[in-house]
C-alpha atoms as a PDB file:
ATOM      1  CA  MET A   1     180.855 187.743  95.882  1.00  0.00           C
ATOM      2  CA  HIS A   2     179.567 184.959  98.110  1.00  0.00           C
ATOM      3  CA  ILE A   3     182.896 183.100  98.310  1.00  0.00           C
ATOM      4  CA  SER A   4     185.570 182.706 100.971  1.00  0.00           C
ATOM      5  CA  THR A   5     188.567 183.543  98.759  1.00  0.00           C
ATOM      6  CA  SER A   6     189.597 187.029  97.606  1.00  0.00           C
ATOM      7  CA  ILE A   7     186.923 189.059  95.827  1.00  0.00           C
ATOM      8  CA  GLU A   8     189.177 191.845  94.551  1.00  0.00           C
ATOM      9  CA  GLU A   9     188.981 190.631  90.936  1.00  0.00           C
ATOM     10  CA  LYS A  10     185.230 190.222  91.246  1.00  0.00           C
ATOM     11  CA  LYS A  11     184.947 193.823  92.433  1.00  0.00           C
ATOM     12  CA  LEU A  12     186.733 194.900  89.254  1.00  0.00           C
ATOM     13  CA  GLU A  13     184.398 192.703  87.191  1.00  0.00           C
ATOM     14  CA  LEU A  14     181.448 194.420  88.871  1.00  0.00           C
ATOM     15  CA  GLN A  15     182.838 197.849  88.017  1.00  0.00           C
ATOM     16  CA  LYS A  16     183.427 196.845  84.388  1.00  0.00           C
ATOM     17  CA  ALA A  17     179.952 195.347  84.024  1.00  0.00           C
ATOM     18  CA  LEU A  18     178.346 198.526  85.399  1.00  0.00           C
ATOM     19  CA  ILE A  19     180.517 200.769  83.193  1.00  0.00           C
ATOM     20  CA  ASP A  20     179.548 198.660  80.171  1.00  0.00           C
ATOM     21  CA  GLY A  21     175.866 199.155  81.034  1.00  0.00           C
ATOM     22  CA  PHE A  22     175.049 195.576  81.936  1.00  0.00           C
ATOM     23  CA  SER A  23     172.516 194.555  84.519  1.00  0.00           C
ATOM     24  CA  VAL A  24     174.109 192.500  87.288  1.00  0.00           C
ATOM     25  CA  ILE A  25     172.755 189.887  89.665  1.00  0.00           C
ATOM     26  CA  LEU A  26     175.006 189.809  92.717  1.00  0.00           C
ATOM     27  CA  VAL A  27     175.043 187.636  95.820  1.00  0.00           C
ATOM     28  CA  PRO A  28     176.710 189.726  98.564  1.00  0.00           C
ATOM     29  CA  ARG A  29     179.224 188.335 101.038  1.00  0.00           C
ATOM     30  CA  PRO A  30     178.213 188.306 104.703  1.00  0.00           C
ATOM     31  CA  TRP A  31     181.146 187.960 107.065  1.00  0.00           C
ATOM     32  CA  PRO A  32     180.105 189.448 110.409  1.00  0.00           C
ATOM     33  CA  LYS A  33     183.003 187.894 112.345  1.00  0.00           C
ATOM     34  CA  GLU A  34     185.603 189.534 110.085  1.00  0.00           C
ATOM     35  CA  PRO A  35     184.445 193.030 109.049  1.00  0.00           C
ATOM     36  CA  SER A  36     187.237 193.478 106.494  1.00  0.00           C
ATOM     37  CA  LYS A  37     185.719 190.609 104.468  1.00  0.00           C
ATOM     38  CA  HIS A  38     182.086 191.679 104.981  1.00  0.00           C
ATOM     39  CA  PHE A  39     180.809 192.953 101.602  1.00  0.00           C
ATOM     40  CA  MET A  40     177.085 193.458 101.834  1.00  0.00           C
ATOM     41  CA  GLN A  41     174.798 196.035 100.231  1.00  0.00           C
ATOM     42  CA  SER A  42     175.974 199.012 102.273  1.00  0.00           C
ATOM     43  CA  GLU A  43     179.646 198.191 101.703  1.00  0.00           C
ATOM     44  CA  ILE A  44     179.011 197.651  97.998  1.00  0.00           C
ATOM     45  CA  ALA A  45     177.295 201.044  97.701  1.00  0.00           C
ATOM     46  CA  ILE A  46     180.183 202.775  99.491  1.00  0.00           C
ATOM     47  CA  TYR A  47     182.754 200.889  97.401  1.00  0.00           C
ATOM     48  CA  LEU A  48     181.099 201.971  94.144  1.00  0.00           C
ATOM     49  CA  ARG A  49     180.804 205.603  95.282  1.00  0.00           C
ATOM     50  CA  GLU A  50     184.448 205.632  96.343  1.00  0.00           C
ATOM     51  CA  HIS A  51     185.411 204.280  92.914  1.00  0.00           C
ATOM     52  CA  GLY A  52     183.767 207.104  90.998  1.00  0.00           C
ATOM     53  CA  PHE A  53     180.273 205.794  90.331  1.00  0.00           C
ATOM     54  CA  ASP A  54     177.321 208.141  90.624  1.00  0.00           C
ATOM     55  CA  THR A  55     175.352 205.870  92.914  1.00  0.00           C
ATOM     56  CA  SER A  56     172.389 208.239  92.837  1.00  0.00           C
ATOM     57  CA  LYS A  57     171.717 207.125  89.256  1.00  0.00           C
ATOM     58  CA  ILE A  58     172.109 203.351  89.415  1.00  0.00           C
ATOM     59  CA  LYS A  59     168.832 201.533  90.029  1.00  0.00           C
ATOM     60  CA  VAL A  60     168.998 198.539  92.356  1.00  0.00           C
ATOM     61  CA  HIS A  61     166.700 195.869  93.730  1.00  0.00           C
ATOM     62  CA  VAL A  62     167.421 193.848  96.860  1.00  0.00           C
ATOM     63  CA  PHE A  63     165.479 190.653  97.402  1.00  0.00           C
ATOM     64  CA  GLU A  64     165.539 188.956 100.803  1.00  0.00           C
ATOM     65  CA  PHE A  65     164.284 185.547 101.888  1.00  0.00           C
ATOM     66  CA  LEU A  66     163.157 184.601  98.376  1.00  0.00           C
ATOM     67  CA  THR A  67     160.438 181.936  98.179  1.00  0.00           C
ATOM     68  CA  THR A  68     159.631 182.202 101.893  1.00  0.00           C
ATOM     69  CA  GLU A  69     156.823 183.876 103.804  1.00  0.00           C
ATOM     70  CA  LYS A  70     159.319 186.577 104.902  1.00  0.00           C
ATOM     71  CA  GLU A  71     160.216 187.565 101.318  1.00  0.00           C
ATOM     72  CA  THR A  72     160.873 191.301 100.885  1.00  0.00           C
ATOM     73  CA  HIS A  73     161.835 193.514  97.962  1.00  0.00           C
ATOM     74  CA  PHE A  74     163.671 196.852  98.131  1.00  0.00           C
ATOM     75  CA  ILE A  75     163.750 199.122  95.078  1.00  0.00           C
ATOM     76  CA  GLY A  76     165.827 202.280  94.960  1.00  0.00           C
ATOM     77  CA  LYS A  77     169.163 203.735  93.980  1.00  0.00           C
ATOM     78  CA  VAL A  78     172.507 202.315  95.057  1.00  0.00           C
ATOM     79  CA  LYS A  79     173.160 205.408  97.227  1.00  0.00           C
ATOM     80  CA  ASP A  80     170.062 204.482  99.266  1.00  0.00           C
ATOM     81  CA  LEU A  81     171.809 201.290 100.412  1.00  0.00           C
ATOM     82  CA  GLU A  82     174.496 203.066 102.429  1.00  0.00           C
ATOM     83  CA  GLY A  83     173.921 202.326 106.102  1.00  0.00           C
ATOM     84  CA  LYS A  84     171.117 199.819 105.432  1.00  0.00           C
ATOM     85  CA  GLU A  85     171.336 196.275 106.734  1.00  0.00           C
ATOM     86  CA  PHE A  86     169.988 193.307 104.840  1.00  0.00           C
ATOM     87  CA  SER A  87     169.865 189.606 105.609  1.00  0.00           C
ATOM     88  CA  ASP A  88     172.629 187.278 104.510  1.00  0.00           C
ATOM     89  CA  LEU A  89     169.826 185.607 102.530  1.00  0.00           C
ATOM     90  CA  SER A  90     169.670 188.422 100.008  1.00  0.00           C
ATOM     91  CA  VAL A  91     170.388 189.043  96.350  1.00  0.00           C
ATOM     92  CA  MET A  92     171.044 192.359  94.603  1.00  0.00           C
ATOM     93  CA  VAL A  93     170.055 193.237  91.049  1.00  0.00           C
ATOM     94  CA  PHE A  94     171.630 196.276  89.404  1.00  0.00           C
ATOM     95  CA  ASP A  95     169.014 197.238  86.827  1.00  0.00           C
ATOM     96  CA  GLN A  96     170.593 199.060  83.884  1.00  0.00           C
ATOM     97  CA  THR A  97     168.966 197.386  80.918  1.00  0.00           C
ATOM     98  CA  LYS A  98     166.159 198.932  78.981  1.00  0.00           C
ATOM     99  CA  LEU A  99     164.195 196.057  77.558  1.00  0.00           C
ATOM    100  CA  GLU A 100     164.101 195.851  73.803  1.00  0.00           C
ATOM    101  CA  SER A 101     160.399 195.912  73.152  1.00  0.00           C
ATOM    102  CA  TYR A 102     157.969 197.657  70.873  1.00  0.00           C
ATOM    103  CA  ILE A 103     156.691 199.375  74.013  1.00  0.00           C
ATOM    104  CA  ASN A 104     159.998 201.275  74.386  1.00  0.00           C
ATOM    105  CA  PHE A 105     160.099 202.591  70.815  1.00  0.00           C
ATOM    106  CA  LYS A 106     158.695 206.010  69.996  1.00  0.00           C
END
């Protein structure tokens, strides 16, 4: 999403990937000077909820300031992102994949 052109198709790609059960690594789009183009974690969470996703069930990680002394890591559900502010140096990971491993087999 971290581009200056339209992201409408990318939003649809995000929806499809989540519907198909894929995990997604997403770089949000900060645009503080033009709020209509600002598409950060809170806006993404609201967008998904408004498009029929149960955001209380989708696990998400937000990493900020990777590889620096200020590095942080948020873990929660997408619904928890509404109203939260994160740095423009952040990455989101929608975690939907159950690893195929002998550990996961019963």
